[in-house]
Amino acid sequence: MWKIAIIDDDRQVLKGMKQVIPWEEIGAEWVGESLNGERGLELIRDKQPDIVITDIYMPVMSGIKMIEALRNEHFEGKILIHSGFSDFEVARQALRLNVEDYLSKPVSRNTMTEVLQRTIAQIEHEYHSKIEQEKLRDQLDEYEPFVRKEQLKTVVTGTASNWNEMTNLCASDDNRSHIVLGIEILRTTRISDVRTPDRLLFRFAIKNIIKEILQAENLPFDYVELHGYHAALILHYEKQAQYEEHIHAIKAMARKIIDCVQTYLEITIRIGIGRFTNDWSHLSDSLEEAFQPLVPGVRVFQSTGVFEYGHMDKSLTYTKQCMPKPIKFYQQIVDDVKTTQGRNAEKIIGNYIAALKESEIPPQFSLLGTQFWAIFSFAFVDDEIRLNDIFQDYTMEHELSSIYTYDQYEAWLIDIIRRVCMNQQWQESFKHKLAIDFIKQYIHDNYAKDITIAELADKVYISRNYLSQIFKNATGETINNYIISVKMEAAKSLILERKYKIYEVANKVGYHNIPYFSTTFRKYFGMTPAELLA
């Protein structure tokens, strides 16, 4: 019910107004009346009506003074002036104070009904707009970690197209120095000969081990998964941090990460260490330095599995001038194949070849090709695409041994991309990825609704069983579990805002059974919503 208060110094007007307003028809209720502006102000503060109907000329405090006081207090209700005087100055002040309408006494029942219905419609519109804005804000808050992760990925790989968009991301750590550690998961049978969901679990477990170690060290960090079996660990230090001051602690921490991953997961990783930078735009340089000791064909020997760019023998590998940001190139080409089926591949390859031509030392195409093949192969393992299946009669070593020029190497790269994108298995995988990306986005946009697998299957024109299968293979979890996780993470964010009651949070994320919501929340987080607030 909409609440209406009436302020007028004429008792007969008050009585007549209560009779002329069709309360039931417009879904409203009378919450009080006052004979002057001062008492009216107290009434409005107490009852918080949605609509105030007020006279202008009243004793003690005028209607205009009362409205000014309400606006200064940010009163959001609608105000209708009901006056027997036609005063231009009063009308001008009413407009300034954002009064909804100006009614001249006496007012007919039809006119009053029409004005109140229009005012209530405006209130409803603003209410729904506010709900939509809150929902959008909640979604933005929910997406913020994902957006930051993707932005960070473009920064660290050097693929950010617009640095102005990265201003907020970089500003948060603008007074720090940063160093990148490149992490490579070695392709042993332990990691290679398992199903995609298990590989995803392994990577998740590796990330958690790293997180626990760094949190114990109280060291700020970001973790970015790259192509294939590679990841970047960005450590943040005080401004102008010196390499010599921190390198021993960084190496000790890297060795601890390697040992823990080996001990708990029986997975072997190697870690390369770049150099410090104070500028986010140079973070990709630190990444390239971190991975240089880890590329195929580079002869570095360390029993610990930790490699420093600063201590590399530059005669045994490529210098920065002769290998222009290969990690950036690999990230760009893998992303392009996965998102556009290689629509921009020739341009990306052309830019990379142009950069190679400007290097001081001629590259070894066989080594570059071997590195590209290795990274490109493992970048698509999670999509159940294996290059060896596409290129069954292909001898890579023979092909690379006959490449002597930049043009030949460029043509070889383009041919590899073209054959992958034209492969029927890849095209089917690409369609699956588009369907899964759509499903994920739909769930994030509509988690407040009761989403069913049948509904999702209809939207992507795939059977329920087949959709469930490809979603599980791609993400490592069922659709229902993914829906629950999205709902629970959204609920947690809303609860921590401390603006909503538990039942309101439950309703906002699509639960109308409050005990069931609390049970599900406890299963997911190990605590009840009330315990989270404690």
Protein backbone atom coordinates (compact mmCIF):
# COMPACT_ATOMS: atom_id res chain seq x y z
CA MET A 1 0.00 0.00 0.00
CA TRP A 2 1.23 3.49 -0.88
CA LYS A 3 1.28 5.87 2.09
CA ILE A 4 -0.22 9.36 1.77
CA ALA A 5 -0.01 12.25 4.27
CA ILE A 6 -2.07 15.46 4.01
CA ILE A 7 -0.94 18.85 5.39
CA ASP A 8 -3.44 21.76 5.46
CA ASP A 9 -4.53 24.37 8.01
CA ASP A 10 -8.22 24.00 7.02
CA ARG A 11 -9.93 21.10 8.81
CA GLN A 12 -12.74 21.04 6.22
CA VAL A 13 -10.17 20.61 3.45
CA LEU A 14 -8.51 17.75 5.36
CA LYS A 15 -11.88 16.04 5.79
CA GLY A 16 -12.84 16.60 2.15
CA MET A 17 -9.49 15.33 0.83
CA LYS A 18 -9.81 12.07 2.76
CA GLN A 19 -13.25 11.60 1.23
CA VAL A 20 -12.33 12.51 -2.35
CA ILE A 21 -9.26 10.24 -2.62
CA PRO A 22 -10.24 6.74 -3.88
CA TRP A 23 -7.93 4.92 -1.47
CA GLU A 24 -8.78 1.35 -2.40
CA GLU A 25 -8.84 2.03 -6.13
CA ILE A 26 -5.29 3.41 -6.21
CA GLY A 27 -3.92 1.00 -3.59
CA ALA A 28 -3.10 3.68 -1.01
CA GLU A 29 -3.62 4.34 2.70
CA TRP A 30 -3.88 7.50 4.82
CA VAL A 31 -1.05 7.71 7.38
CA GLY A 32 -1.75 11.08 9.04
CA GLU A 33 -2.56 14.77 8.75
CA SER A 34 -1.26 18.07 10.20
CA LEU A 35 -2.53 21.66 10.44
CA ASN A 36 0.82 23.41 9.83
CA GLY A 37 4.20 22.84 8.24
CA GLU A 38 6.09 22.29 11.49
CA ARG A 39 3.80 19.47 12.66
CA GLY A 40 3.69 18.22 9.09
CA LEU A 41 7.49 17.91 9.07
CA GLU A 42 7.38 15.81 12.25
CA LEU A 43 4.63 13.62 10.78
CA ILE A 44 6.56 13.01 7.55
CA ARG A 45 9.78 12.20 9.41
CA ASP A 46 7.88 9.67 11.52
CA LYS A 47 5.68 8.01 8.88
CA GLN A 48 7.89 8.39 5.77
CA PRO A 49 4.92 8.62 3.35
CA ASP A 50 5.33 7.97 -0.36
CA ILE A 51 3.17 11.00 -1.25
CA VAL A 52 2.65 14.30 0.61
CA ILE A 53 -0.25 16.61 -0.30
CA THR A 54 0.34 20.04 1.22
CA ASP A 55 -1.05 23.55 1.28
CA ILE A 56 1.30 26.55 0.90
CA TYR A 57 0.10 29.28 3.24
CA MET A 58 -0.12 27.86 6.79
CA PRO A 59 0.71 29.18 10.28
CA VAL A 60 4.00 28.45 12.16
CA MET A 61 5.72 27.05 9.04
CA SER A 62 4.65 27.49 5.42
CA GLY A 63 4.40 24.63 2.95
CA ILE A 64 7.42 25.93 0.99
CA LYS A 65 9.61 26.05 4.14
CA MET A 66 8.50 22.52 5.03
CA ILE A 67 9.34 21.26 1.51
CA GLU A 68 12.76 22.97 1.66
CA ALA A 69 13.48 21.21 4.98
CA LEU A 70 12.41 17.85 3.51
CA ARG A 71 14.64 18.27 0.45
CA ASN A 72 17.58 19.22 2.68
CA GLU A 73 16.97 15.95 4.54
CA HIS A 74 16.92 14.08 1.18
CA PHE A 75 13.28 13.05 1.52
CA GLU A 76 12.57 10.91 -1.57
CA GLY A 77 8.76 10.93 -1.50
CA LYS A 78 6.59 12.76 -4.02
CA ILE A 79 5.08 16.14 -3.07
CA LEU A 80 1.83 17.59 -4.45
CA ILE A 81 0.94 21.23 -3.72
CA HIS A 82 -2.79 21.85 -3.13
CA SER A 83 -3.41 25.60 -2.86
CA GLY A 84 -6.16 28.14 -3.38
CA PHE A 85 -3.69 30.80 -4.58
CA SER A 86 -2.20 31.11 -8.07
CA ASP A 87 1.14 32.71 -7.26
CA PHE A 88 3.87 32.73 -9.95
CA GLU A 89 6.69 33.05 -7.39
CA VAL A 90 5.33 30.07 -5.42
CA ALA A 91 5.06 28.05 -8.63
CA ARG A 92 8.69 28.92 -9.47
CA GLN A 93 9.86 27.81 -6.02
CA ALA A 94 7.83 24.60 -6.34
CA LEU A 95 9.63 23.75 -9.58
CA ARG A 96 13.00 24.41 -7.91
CA LEU A 97 12.05 22.04 -5.08
CA ASN A 98 11.07 19.29 -7.52
CA VAL A 99 7.38 19.25 -6.62
CA GLU A 100 5.45 16.63 -8.59
CA ASP A 101 2.29 18.67 -9.34
CA TYR A 102 0.47 21.90 -8.45
CA LEU A 103 -3.31 21.53 -7.83
CA SER A 104 -5.67 24.48 -7.46
CA LYS A 105 -8.42 24.37 -4.85
CA PRO A 106 -11.05 23.09 -5.12
CA VAL A 107 -9.97 19.92 -6.92
CA SER A 108 -12.39 17.40 -8.41
CA ARG A 109 -12.38 13.71 -7.58
CA ASN A 110 -11.44 12.81 -11.18
CA THR A 111 -8.52 15.23 -11.23
CA MET A 112 -7.23 14.03 -7.86
CA THR A 113 -7.52 10.39 -8.94
CA GLU A 114 -5.72 11.06 -12.23
CA VAL A 115 -2.87 12.98 -10.54
CA LEU A 116 -2.40 10.36 -7.81
CA GLN A 117 -2.43 7.48 -10.32
CA ARG A 118 0.17 9.28 -12.42
CA THR A 119 2.29 9.98 -9.34
CA ILE A 120 2.08 6.37 -8.14
CA ALA A 121 3.02 5.15 -11.63
CA GLN A 122 6.09 7.40 -11.47
CA ILE A 123 7.00 6.04 -8.02
CA GLU A 124 6.68 2.45 -9.31
CA HIS A 125 8.82 3.24 -12.34
CA GLU A 126 11.54 4.80 -10.17
CA TYR A 127 11.34 1.87 -7.75
CA HIS A 128 11.83 -0.69 -10.51
CA SER A 129 14.64 1.40 -12.01
CA LYS A 130 16.32 1.48 -8.61
CA ILE A 131 15.98 -2.31 -8.28
CA GLU A 132 17.53 -2.75 -11.74
CA GLN A 133 20.38 -0.40 -10.84
CA GLU A 134 21.03 -2.29 -7.62
CA LYS A 135 20.97 -5.56 -9.53
CA LEU A 136 23.39 -4.14 -12.11
CA ARG A 137 25.65 -2.84 -9.33
CA ASP A 138 25.57 -6.24 -7.64
CA GLN A 139 26.46 -7.89 -10.94
CA LEU A 140 29.30 -5.44 -11.51
CA ASP A 141 30.60 -6.13 -8.00
CA GLU A 142 30.32 -9.84 -8.70
CA TYR A 143 32.11 -9.54 -12.05
CA GLU A 144 34.84 -7.25 -10.72
CA PRO A 145 37.26 -10.06 -9.78
CA PHE A 146 36.78 -11.66 -13.21
CA VAL A 147 37.23 -8.33 -15.01
CA ARG A 148 40.36 -7.58 -13.00
CA LYS A 149 41.73 -11.04 -13.76
CA GLU A 150 41.24 -10.56 -17.52
CA GLN A 151 42.67 -7.05 -17.40
CA LEU A 152 45.68 -8.29 -15.46
CA LYS A 153 46.19 -11.03 -18.03
CA THR A 154 46.37 -8.49 -20.86
CA VAL A 155 48.78 -6.31 -18.87
CA VAL A 156 51.19 -9.07 -17.92
CA THR A 157 51.23 -10.57 -21.44
CA GLY A 158 51.57 -7.15 -23.09
CA THR A 159 48.33 -7.54 -25.08
CA ALA A 160 46.41 -4.61 -23.51
CA SER A 161 45.00 -2.58 -26.41
CA ASN A 162 44.01 0.50 -24.42
CA TRP A 163 46.09 1.52 -21.44
CA ASN A 164 43.49 4.13 -20.43
CA GLU A 165 41.16 1.23 -19.55
CA MET A 166 43.81 -0.13 -17.21
CA THR A 167 44.07 3.10 -15.17
CA ASN A 168 42.03 1.85 -12.20
CA LEU A 169 43.78 -1.51 -12.18
CA CYS A 170 47.24 0.03 -12.22
CA ALA A 171 46.41 2.88 -9.82
CA SER A 172 45.77 0.46 -6.96
CA ASP A 173 49.39 -0.69 -7.03
CA ASP A 174 50.98 2.44 -8.49
CA ASN A 175 53.26 2.93 -5.48
CA ARG A 176 54.83 -0.50 -5.65
CA SER A 177 57.44 -2.43 -7.53
CA HIS A 178 56.53 -5.70 -9.22
CA ILE A 179 58.33 -8.84 -10.27
CA VAL A 180 56.97 -11.73 -12.33
CA LEU A 181 57.62 -15.41 -11.75
CA GLY A 182 56.89 -17.67 -14.72
CA ILE A 183 55.47 -21.07 -13.74
CA GLU A 184 55.60 -24.07 -16.06
CA ILE A 185 53.87 -27.37 -15.28
CA LEU A 186 56.01 -30.11 -16.82
CA ARG A 187 54.09 -32.45 -19.12
CA THR A 188 54.68 -35.68 -17.27
CA THR A 189 52.26 -38.62 -17.51
CA ARG A 190 50.87 -37.52 -14.14
CA ILE A 191 49.39 -34.37 -15.72
CA SER A 192 49.09 -35.25 -19.42
CA ASP A 193 47.28 -38.59 -19.31
CA VAL A 194 44.28 -37.46 -17.29
CA ARG A 195 40.84 -36.16 -18.19
CA THR A 196 40.28 -32.41 -18.61
CA PRO A 197 38.32 -32.03 -15.32
CA ASP A 198 41.20 -33.63 -13.43
CA ARG A 199 43.73 -31.32 -15.08
CA LEU A 200 41.61 -28.35 -14.07
CA LEU A 201 41.55 -29.65 -10.50
CA PHE A 202 45.34 -30.03 -10.53
CA ARG A 203 45.77 -26.42 -11.65
CA PHE A 204 43.30 -25.25 -9.02
CA ALA A 205 45.23 -27.18 -6.37
CA ILE A 206 48.54 -25.67 -7.52
CA LYS A 207 47.03 -22.20 -7.29
CA ASN A 208 45.77 -22.92 -3.77
CA ILE A 209 49.19 -24.15 -2.61
CA ILE A 210 50.81 -20.98 -3.95
CA LYS A 211 48.11 -18.86 -2.31
CA GLU A 212 48.65 -20.48 1.10
CA ILE A 213 52.43 -20.07 0.93
CA LEU A 214 52.28 -16.40 -0.07
CA GLN A 215 49.60 -15.56 2.49
CA ALA A 216 51.78 -17.12 5.17
CA GLU A 217 54.59 -14.84 3.95
CA ASN A 218 52.15 -11.88 4.07
CA LEU A 219 53.21 -10.99 0.53
CA PRO A 220 50.75 -9.28 -1.86
CA PHE A 221 50.44 -11.13 -5.17
CA ASP A 222 48.34 -11.85 -8.26
CA TYR A 223 48.13 -15.19 -10.02
CA VAL A 224 47.34 -15.30 -13.75
CA GLU A 225 46.79 -18.49 -15.74
CA LEU A 226 48.23 -18.27 -19.24
CA HIS A 227 48.14 -20.59 -22.23
CA GLY A 228 48.58 -24.33 -21.85
CA TYR A 229 50.60 -25.33 -18.81
CA HIS A 230 51.92 -21.89 -17.94
CA ALA A 231 51.02 -19.28 -15.33
CA ALA A 232 52.38 -15.97 -14.09
CA LEU A 233 52.85 -15.10 -10.43
CA ILE A 234 53.14 -11.33 -9.86
CA LEU A 235 54.69 -10.27 -6.56
CA HIS A 236 54.21 -6.73 -5.27
CA TYR A 237 56.88 -4.98 -3.17
CA GLU A 238 57.59 -1.51 -1.87
CA LYS A 239 58.40 1.18 -4.42
CA GLN A 240 61.93 1.05 -5.86
CA ALA A 241 62.54 -2.45 -4.45
CA GLN A 242 66.02 -3.74 -5.26
CA TYR A 243 66.55 -7.13 -6.89
CA GLU A 244 69.55 -7.96 -4.70
CA GLU A 245 67.60 -7.29 -1.49
CA HIS A 246 64.78 -9.70 -2.26
CA ILE A 247 66.08 -12.34 -4.67
CA HIS A 248 67.25 -14.81 -1.99
CA ALA A 249 63.83 -14.75 -0.28
CA ILE A 250 62.07 -15.04 -3.64
CA LYS A 251 64.17 -18.06 -4.63
CA ALA A 252 63.53 -19.71 -1.26
CA MET A 253 59.81 -19.16 -1.66
CA ALA A 254 59.91 -20.52 -5.24
CA ARG A 255 61.72 -23.65 -4.07
CA LYS A 256 59.09 -24.10 -1.32
CA ILE A 257 56.31 -23.86 -3.92
CA ILE A 258 58.03 -26.46 -6.12
CA ASP A 259 58.60 -28.82 -3.18
CA CYS A 260 55.01 -28.52 -1.88
CA VAL A 261 53.47 -29.09 -5.32
CA GLN A 262 55.70 -32.14 -5.77
CA THR A 263 54.98 -33.48 -2.27
CA TYR A 264 51.22 -33.00 -2.18
CA LEU A 265 50.28 -33.40 -5.85
CA GLU A 266 53.22 -35.35 -7.29
CA ILE A 267 53.40 -32.75 -10.05
CA THR A 268 56.67 -31.22 -11.24
CA ILE A 269 56.85 -27.51 -11.96
CA ARG A 270 59.64 -25.12 -12.87
CA ILE A 271 59.78 -21.43 -11.95
CA GLY A 272 61.62 -18.67 -13.77
CA ILE A 273 62.23 -15.28 -12.15
CA GLY A 274 62.16 -12.01 -14.09
CA ARG A 275 63.39 -8.64 -12.91
CA PHE A 276 61.71 -5.84 -10.94
CA THR A 277 59.76 -3.08 -12.67
CA ASN A 278 58.08 0.01 -11.23
CA ASP A 279 55.88 0.50 -14.28
CA TRP A 280 52.83 -1.66 -15.02
CA SER A 281 53.34 -1.11 -18.75
CA HIS A 282 56.69 -2.93 -18.44
CA LEU A 283 55.26 -5.89 -16.54
CA SER A 284 55.29 -7.96 -19.73
CA ASP A 285 59.08 -7.49 -19.92
CA SER A 286 59.43 -9.15 -16.52
CA LEU A 287 57.16 -11.98 -17.74
CA GLU A 288 59.26 -12.54 -20.88
CA GLU A 289 62.42 -12.58 -18.74
CA ALA A 290 60.85 -15.09 -16.37
CA PHE A 291 60.01 -17.51 -19.18
CA GLN A 292 63.22 -17.20 -21.20
CA PRO A 293 65.07 -19.84 -19.13
CA LEU A 294 62.09 -22.19 -19.49
CA VAL A 295 61.68 -22.25 -23.27
CA PRO A 296 62.54 -25.50 -25.14
CA GLY A 297 66.13 -25.72 -26.32
CA VAL A 298 67.64 -23.39 -23.75
CA ARG A 299 70.43 -25.16 -21.92
CA VAL A 300 70.06 -24.22 -18.27
CA PHE A 301 70.82 -26.60 -15.47
CA GLN A 302 69.38 -26.16 -12.00
CA SER A 303 68.56 -29.02 -9.68
CA THR A 304 66.15 -26.80 -7.73
CA GLY A 305 63.88 -26.01 -10.68
CA VAL A 306 64.26 -22.26 -10.01
CA PHE A 307 65.82 -20.11 -12.74
CA GLU A 308 66.90 -16.47 -12.67
CA TYR A 309 66.90 -14.36 -15.81
CA GLY A 310 69.60 -12.17 -14.27
CA HIS A 311 72.01 -15.13 -13.96
CA MET A 312 71.41 -16.66 -17.39
CA ASP A 313 74.27 -17.19 -19.78
CA LYS A 314 73.04 -14.96 -22.62
CA SER A 315 75.25 -16.80 -25.11
CA LEU A 316 73.13 -19.92 -24.62
CA THR A 317 69.76 -18.34 -25.32
CA TYR A 318 68.02 -15.48 -27.05
CA THR A 319 68.62 -11.95 -25.96
CA LYS A 320 65.73 -9.55 -25.52
CA GLN A 321 66.56 -8.05 -28.92
CA CYS A 322 66.43 -11.34 -30.84
CA MET A 323 63.21 -12.72 -29.35
CA PRO A 324 60.57 -9.94 -29.28
CA LYS A 325 58.07 -10.96 -26.59
CA PRO A 326 57.19 -14.53 -27.64
CA ILE A 327 54.83 -14.98 -24.66
CA LYS A 328 52.77 -12.03 -25.89
CA PHE A 329 52.64 -13.59 -29.36
CA TYR A 330 51.59 -17.01 -28.02
CA GLN A 331 48.87 -15.47 -25.86
CA GLN A 332 47.52 -13.42 -28.76
CA ILE A 333 47.45 -16.31 -31.22
CA VAL A 334 45.93 -18.81 -28.77
CA ASP A 335 43.23 -16.34 -27.72
CA ASP A 336 42.44 -15.52 -31.35
CA VAL A 337 42.04 -19.17 -32.33
CA LYS A 338 39.88 -19.88 -29.28
CA THR A 339 37.63 -16.84 -29.63
CA THR A 340 37.45 -16.07 -33.38
CA GLN A 341 38.68 -19.29 -35.06
CA GLY A 342 41.83 -17.51 -36.19
CA ARG A 343 40.17 -14.53 -37.87
CA ASN A 344 43.08 -12.23 -36.93
CA ALA A 345 45.82 -14.87 -37.03
CA GLU A 346 47.58 -13.64 -40.19
CA LYS A 347 47.82 -10.10 -38.82
CA ILE A 348 49.12 -11.31 -35.43
CA ILE A 349 51.70 -13.56 -37.12
CA GLY A 350 52.68 -10.77 -39.52
CA ASN A 351 53.36 -8.37 -36.64
CA TYR A 352 55.44 -11.01 -34.86
CA ILE A 353 57.52 -11.74 -37.98
CA ALA A 354 58.07 -8.00 -38.50
CA ALA A 355 59.38 -7.76 -34.93
CA LEU A 356 61.66 -10.76 -35.54
CA LYS A 357 63.13 -9.07 -38.62
CA GLU A 358 64.15 -6.06 -36.52
CA SER A 359 66.12 -8.19 -34.05
CA GLU A 360 69.90 -7.96 -34.04
CA ILE A 361 70.63 -11.69 -34.26
CA PRO A 362 68.96 -13.96 -36.87
CA PRO A 363 66.61 -16.40 -35.11
CA GLN A 364 66.88 -20.18 -35.22
CA PHE A 365 63.60 -21.05 -36.90
CA SER A 366 63.75 -24.70 -35.88
CA LEU A 367 64.01 -23.71 -32.21
CA LEU A 368 61.27 -21.09 -32.51
CA GLY A 369 59.03 -23.59 -34.32
CA THR A 370 59.60 -26.28 -31.70
CA GLN A 371 58.71 -23.83 -28.96
CA PHE A 372 55.57 -22.70 -30.80
CA TRP A 373 54.47 -26.29 -31.45
CA ALA A 374 54.94 -27.27 -27.80
CA ILE A 375 53.01 -24.33 -26.38
CA PHE A 376 50.32 -24.42 -29.08
CA SER A 377 49.80 -28.15 -28.55
CA PHE A 378 49.23 -27.94 -24.82
CA ALA A 379 47.11 -24.78 -25.07
CA PHE A 380 44.28 -26.85 -26.55
CA VAL A 381 44.51 -30.01 -24.49
CA ASP A 382 41.70 -28.77 -22.21
CA ASP A 383 39.50 -28.46 -25.30
CA GLU A 384 40.18 -32.13 -26.03
CA ILE A 385 42.08 -31.09 -29.19
CA ARG A 386 45.43 -32.77 -29.81
CA LEU A 387 47.63 -31.54 -32.65
CA ASN A 388 49.02 -35.03 -33.16
CA ASP A 389 45.50 -36.20 -34.09
CA ILE A 390 45.08 -33.36 -36.61
CA PHE A 391 48.58 -33.75 -38.06
CA GLN A 392 48.80 -37.55 -38.06
CA ASP A 393 51.22 -37.86 -41.00
CA TYR A 394 53.12 -34.74 -40.10
CA THR A 395 56.81 -34.73 -39.26
CA MET A 396 57.45 -31.39 -37.57
CA GLU A 397 61.23 -31.81 -37.39
CA HIS A 398 61.42 -32.38 -41.15
CA GLU A 399 59.20 -29.38 -41.89
CA LEU A 400 61.19 -27.06 -39.64
CA SER A 401 64.53 -28.23 -40.99
CA SER A 402 63.59 -26.85 -44.41
CA ILE A 403 62.70 -23.36 -43.12
CA TYR A 404 65.44 -20.80 -43.73
CA THR A 405 63.65 -17.47 -44.24
CA TYR A 406 61.16 -15.26 -42.38
CA ASP A 407 58.62 -15.73 -45.16
CA GLN A 408 58.87 -19.51 -44.93
CA TYR A 409 58.44 -19.43 -41.17
CA GLU A 410 55.45 -17.06 -41.47
CA ALA A 411 53.83 -19.35 -44.06
CA TRP A 412 54.43 -22.37 -41.79
CA LEU A 413 52.75 -20.66 -38.82
CA ILE A 414 49.75 -19.57 -40.91
CA ASP A 415 49.36 -23.09 -42.31
CA ILE A 416 49.34 -24.61 -38.80
CA ILE A 417 46.61 -22.18 -37.66
CA ARG A 418 44.56 -22.70 -40.82
CA ARG A 419 44.63 -26.49 -40.56
CA VAL A 420 43.65 -26.40 -36.88
CA CYS A 421 40.73 -24.02 -37.47
CA MET A 422 39.45 -26.04 -40.46
CA ASN A 423 39.57 -29.28 -38.51
CA GLN A 424 36.07 -30.68 -37.88
CA GLN A 425 36.92 -31.68 -34.32
CA TRP A 426 38.13 -28.15 -33.53
CA GLN A 427 35.06 -26.55 -35.11
CA GLU A 428 32.86 -28.76 -32.96
CA SER A 429 34.91 -27.84 -29.87
CA PHE A 430 34.64 -24.15 -30.80
CA LYS A 431 30.84 -24.42 -30.94
CA HIS A 432 30.86 -26.13 -27.55
CA LYS A 433 32.98 -23.32 -26.10
CA LEU A 434 30.58 -20.68 -27.41
CA ALA A 435 27.64 -22.58 -25.91
CA ILE A 436 29.37 -22.96 -22.53
CA ASP A 437 30.44 -19.29 -22.47
CA PHE A 438 26.83 -18.30 -23.19
CA ILE A 439 25.52 -20.60 -20.44
CA LYS A 440 27.98 -19.18 -17.90
CA GLN A 441 27.06 -15.61 -18.80
CA TYR A 442 23.34 -16.41 -18.67
CA ILE A 443 23.71 -17.94 -15.20
CA HIS A 444 25.62 -14.88 -13.94
CA ASP A 445 22.97 -12.56 -15.38
CA ASN A 446 19.96 -14.54 -14.10
CA TYR A 447 21.06 -16.24 -10.87
CA ALA A 448 18.09 -14.70 -9.03
CA LYS A 449 15.77 -16.85 -11.15
CA ASP A 450 15.02 -20.57 -10.93
CA ILE A 451 17.31 -21.76 -13.75
CA THR A 452 16.86 -25.32 -15.06
CA ILE A 453 19.09 -27.41 -17.29
CA ALA A 454 16.16 -27.86 -19.69
CA GLU A 455 15.86 -24.08 -20.03
CA LEU A 456 19.60 -23.72 -20.72
CA ALA A 457 19.58 -26.57 -23.22
CA ASP A 458 16.74 -24.93 -25.16
CA LYS A 459 18.68 -21.66 -25.38
CA VAL A 460 21.72 -23.28 -27.04
CA TYR A 461 19.77 -25.91 -29.02
CA ILE A 462 21.55 -28.86 -27.38
CA SER A 463 19.99 -31.82 -25.59
CA ARG A 464 20.05 -31.70 -21.79
CA ASN A 465 22.27 -34.76 -21.42
CA TYR A 466 24.77 -33.60 -24.04
CA LEU A 467 24.91 -30.09 -22.57
CA SER A 468 25.53 -31.54 -19.10
CA GLN A 469 28.32 -33.70 -20.51
CA ILE A 470 30.22 -30.97 -22.41
CA PHE A 471 29.80 -28.51 -19.52
CA LYS A 472 31.27 -31.01 -17.04
CA ASN A 473 34.13 -31.82 -19.41
CA ALA A 474 34.94 -28.15 -19.95
CA THR A 475 34.57 -26.81 -16.41
CA GLY A 476 35.09 -29.84 -14.17
CA GLU A 477 31.73 -29.33 -12.41
CA THR A 478 28.07 -29.92 -13.09
CA ILE A 479 25.72 -27.18 -14.26
CA ASN A 480 23.73 -27.36 -11.04
CA ASN A 481 26.86 -26.99 -8.93
CA TYR A 482 27.95 -24.03 -11.06
CA ILE A 483 24.56 -22.35 -10.55
CA ILE A 484 24.81 -22.92 -6.79
CA SER A 485 28.35 -21.50 -6.68
CA VAL A 486 27.27 -18.34 -8.52
CA LYS A 487 24.27 -17.89 -6.21
CA MET A 488 26.34 -18.48 -3.07
CA GLU A 489 29.14 -16.08 -4.07
CA ALA A 490 26.54 -13.42 -4.88
CA ALA A 491 24.83 -14.06 -1.53
CA LYS A 492 28.10 -13.73 0.34
CA SER A 493 28.82 -10.36 -1.30
CA LEU A 494 25.33 -9.08 -0.43
CA ILE A 495 25.56 -10.28 3.17
CA LEU A 496 28.92 -8.59 3.68
CA GLU A 497 27.42 -5.29 2.48
CA ARG A 498 25.26 -5.45 5.65
CA LYS A 499 22.42 -3.63 3.88
CA TYR A 500 20.00 -6.55 3.64
CA LYS A 501 18.38 -9.01 6.02
CA ILE A 502 19.13 -12.69 5.47
CA TYR A 503 15.72 -13.40 3.95
CA GLU A 504 16.19 -10.44 1.56
CA VAL A 505 19.55 -11.83 0.44
CA ALA A 506 17.97 -15.25 -0.07
CA ASN A 507 15.25 -13.75 -2.26
CA LYS A 508 17.78 -11.74 -4.27
CA VAL A 509 19.69 -14.91 -5.21
CA GLY A 510 16.60 -16.96 -5.99
CA TYR A 511 15.86 -18.82 -2.72
CA HIS A 512 12.37 -18.48 -1.23
CA ASN A 513 12.86 -21.22 1.37
CA ILE A 514 15.07 -19.51 3.95
CA PRO A 515 16.09 -22.67 5.92
CA TYR A 516 17.10 -24.35 2.64
CA PHE A 517 19.12 -21.26 1.67
CA SER A 518 20.94 -21.32 5.03
CA THR A 519 21.65 -25.06 4.71
CA THR A 520 23.02 -24.63 1.18
CA PHE A 521 25.11 -21.63 2.30
CA ARG A 522 26.59 -23.64 5.16
CA LYS A 523 27.45 -26.56 2.89
CA TYR A 524 29.20 -24.20 0.47
CA PHE A 525 31.09 -21.94 2.92
CA GLY A 526 31.20 -24.06 6.08
CA MET A 527 29.26 -21.46 8.04
CA THR A 528 25.74 -20.04 8.17
CA PRO A 529 24.88 -16.55 6.87
CA ALA A 530 24.46 -15.37 10.47
CA GLU A 531 27.92 -16.71 11.40
CA LEU A 532 29.40 -14.83 8.45
CA LEU A 533 28.05 -11.60 9.90
CA ALA A 534 29.26 -12.34 13.44
